[in-house]
Amino acid sequence: MNFYPFNDIETISPRPMLFIAGSKAHSLEFSEEAYKLAGQPKQLIIVPEAGHVDLYDRVDLIPFDKLGEFFKNNLK
């Protein structure tokens, strides 16, 4: 089974979507494209100097404040 996540990304709206990517991530362009295709509400956070896997375990780079703000504003 093949799955291409961009095919129906706009149908997720009006559910909020949060995209987080590192500025040095090899996958940054995919996050930017997904953000562009997604419907509102949406938010894109690009973490300076972070690679892709840095955002899994580099607690000094993970944007906890932005995550908390997103969840506070969208989980009602």
C-alpha atoms as a PDB file:
ATOM      1  CA  MET A   1       0.000   0.000   0.000  1.00  0.00           C
ATOM      2  CA  ASN A   2       1.362   3.393  -0.954  1.00  0.00           C
ATOM      3  CA  PHE A   3       0.636   6.471   1.088  1.00  0.00           C
ATOM      4  CA  TYR A   4       1.425   9.995   0.007  1.00  0.00           C
ATOM      5  CA  PRO A   5       0.599  12.312   2.917  1.00  0.00           C
ATOM      6  CA  PHE A   6       0.235  15.469   0.816  1.00  0.00           C
ATOM      7  CA  ASN A   7      -2.656  14.099  -1.256  1.00  0.00           C
ATOM      8  CA  ASP A   8      -5.385  14.925   1.247  1.00  0.00           C
ATOM      9  CA  ILE A   9      -3.682  17.175   3.779  1.00  0.00           C
ATOM     10  CA  GLU A  10      -6.165  20.001   3.202  1.00  0.00           C
ATOM     11  CA  THR A  11      -9.025  17.745   4.376  1.00  0.00           C
ATOM     12  CA  ILE A  12      -7.668  17.765   7.939  1.00  0.00           C
ATOM     13  CA  SER A  13      -8.878  21.358   8.302  1.00  0.00           C
ATOM     14  CA  PRO A  14     -10.485  22.761  10.436  1.00  0.00           C
ATOM     15  CA  ARG A  15      -8.469  20.694  12.915  1.00  0.00           C
ATOM     16  CA  PRO A  16      -5.349  22.607  14.030  1.00  0.00           C
ATOM     17  CA  MET A  17      -2.029  21.402  12.649  1.00  0.00           C
ATOM     18  CA  LEU A  18       1.404  22.130  14.071  1.00  0.00           C
ATOM     19  CA  PHE A  19       4.532  21.574  11.996  1.00  0.00           C
ATOM     20  CA  ILE A  20       7.947  21.705  13.659  1.00  0.00           C
ATOM     21  CA  ALA A  21      11.197  21.425  11.734  1.00  0.00           C
ATOM     22  CA  GLY A  22      14.822  22.234  12.274  1.00  0.00           C
ATOM     23  CA  SER A  23      16.469  24.838  10.076  1.00  0.00           C
ATOM     24  CA  LYS A  24      19.205  22.299   9.275  1.00  0.00           C
ATOM     25  CA  ALA A  25      16.858  19.328   8.809  1.00  0.00           C
ATOM     26  CA  HIS A  26      17.107  17.462   5.534  1.00  0.00           C
ATOM     27  CA  SER A  27      13.306  17.211   5.717  1.00  0.00           C
ATOM     28  CA  LEU A  28      12.682  20.971   6.124  1.00  0.00           C
ATOM     29  CA  GLU A  29      11.349  21.358   2.590  1.00  0.00           C
ATOM     30  CA  PHE A  30       8.750  18.642   3.237  1.00  0.00           C
ATOM     31  CA  SER A  31       7.522  20.443   6.356  1.00  0.00           C
ATOM     32  CA  GLU A  32       7.311  23.717   4.458  1.00  0.00           C
ATOM     33  CA  GLU A  33       5.398  22.068   1.607  1.00  0.00           C
ATOM     34  CA  ALA A  34       2.994  20.347   4.016  1.00  0.00           C
ATOM     35  CA  TYR A  35       2.403  23.659   5.779  1.00  0.00           C
ATOM     36  CA  LYS A  36       1.729  25.383   2.467  1.00  0.00           C
ATOM     37  CA  LEU A  37      -0.827  22.735   1.438  1.00  0.00           C
ATOM     38  CA  ALA A  38      -2.603  22.449   4.800  1.00  0.00           C
ATOM     39  CA  GLY A  39      -5.763  24.381   5.525  1.00  0.00           C
ATOM     40  CA  GLN A  40      -6.212  26.732   8.470  1.00  0.00           C
ATOM     41  CA  PRO A  41      -5.669  26.749  11.378  1.00  0.00           C
ATOM     42  CA  LYS A  42      -2.003  25.849  11.116  1.00  0.00           C
ATOM     43  CA  GLN A  43       1.356  26.866  12.515  1.00  0.00           C
ATOM     44  CA  LEU A  44       4.925  26.254  11.357  1.00  0.00           C
ATOM     45  CA  ILE A  45       7.826  26.466  13.790  1.00  0.00           C
ATOM     46  CA  ILE A  46      11.341  26.334  12.376  1.00  0.00           C
ATOM     47  CA  VAL A  47      13.900  25.762  15.110  1.00  0.00           C
ATOM     48  CA  PRO A  48      17.208  27.524  14.374  1.00  0.00           C
ATOM     49  CA  GLU A  49      20.318  25.329  14.168  1.00  0.00           C
ATOM     50  CA  ALA A  50      18.335  22.093  14.663  1.00  0.00           C
ATOM     51  CA  GLY A  51      18.608  19.020  12.477  1.00  0.00           C
ATOM     52  CA  HIS A  52      15.838  16.476  11.987  1.00  0.00           C
ATOM     53  CA  VAL A  53      16.668  14.114  14.845  1.00  0.00           C
ATOM     54  CA  ASP A  54      17.729  16.924  17.185  1.00  0.00           C
ATOM     55  CA  LEU A  55      14.072  17.621  17.845  1.00  0.00           C
ATOM     56  CA  TYR A  56      13.588  14.123  19.283  1.00  0.00           C
ATOM     57  CA  ASP A  57      16.062  14.310  22.130  1.00  0.00           C
ATOM     58  CA  ARG A  58      17.892  17.649  22.301  1.00  0.00           C
ATOM     59  CA  VAL A  59      15.825  19.209  25.065  1.00  0.00           C
ATOM     60  CA  ASP A  60      17.736  22.458  24.645  1.00  0.00           C
ATOM     61  CA  LEU A  61      16.298  22.750  21.110  1.00  0.00           C
ATOM     62  CA  ILE A  62      12.760  21.440  21.577  1.00  0.00           C
ATOM     63  CA  PRO A  63      10.379  24.442  21.612  1.00  0.00           C
ATOM     64  CA  PHE A  64       8.405  23.414  24.708  1.00  0.00           C
ATOM     65  CA  ASP A  65       6.987  26.919  25.158  1.00  0.00           C
ATOM     66  CA  LYS A  66       5.579  26.949  21.619  1.00  0.00           C
ATOM     67  CA  LEU A  67       4.180  23.430  22.061  1.00  0.00           C
ATOM     68  CA  GLY A  68       2.450  24.445  25.282  1.00  0.00           C
ATOM     69  CA  GLU A  69       1.024  27.564  23.670  1.00  0.00           C
ATOM     70  CA  PHE A  70      -0.268  25.611  20.665  1.00  0.00           C
ATOM     71  CA  PHE A  71      -1.959  22.986  22.838  1.00  0.00           C
ATOM     72  CA  LYS A  72      -3.396  25.600  25.203  1.00  0.00           C
ATOM     73  CA  ASN A  73      -4.919  27.506  22.290  1.00  0.00           C
ATOM     74  CA  ASN A  74      -6.215  24.509  20.365  1.00  0.00           C
ATOM     75  CA  LEU A  75      -7.251  21.820  22.852  1.00  0.00           C
ATOM     76  CA  LYS A  76     -10.541  23.140  24.126  1.00  0.00           C
END
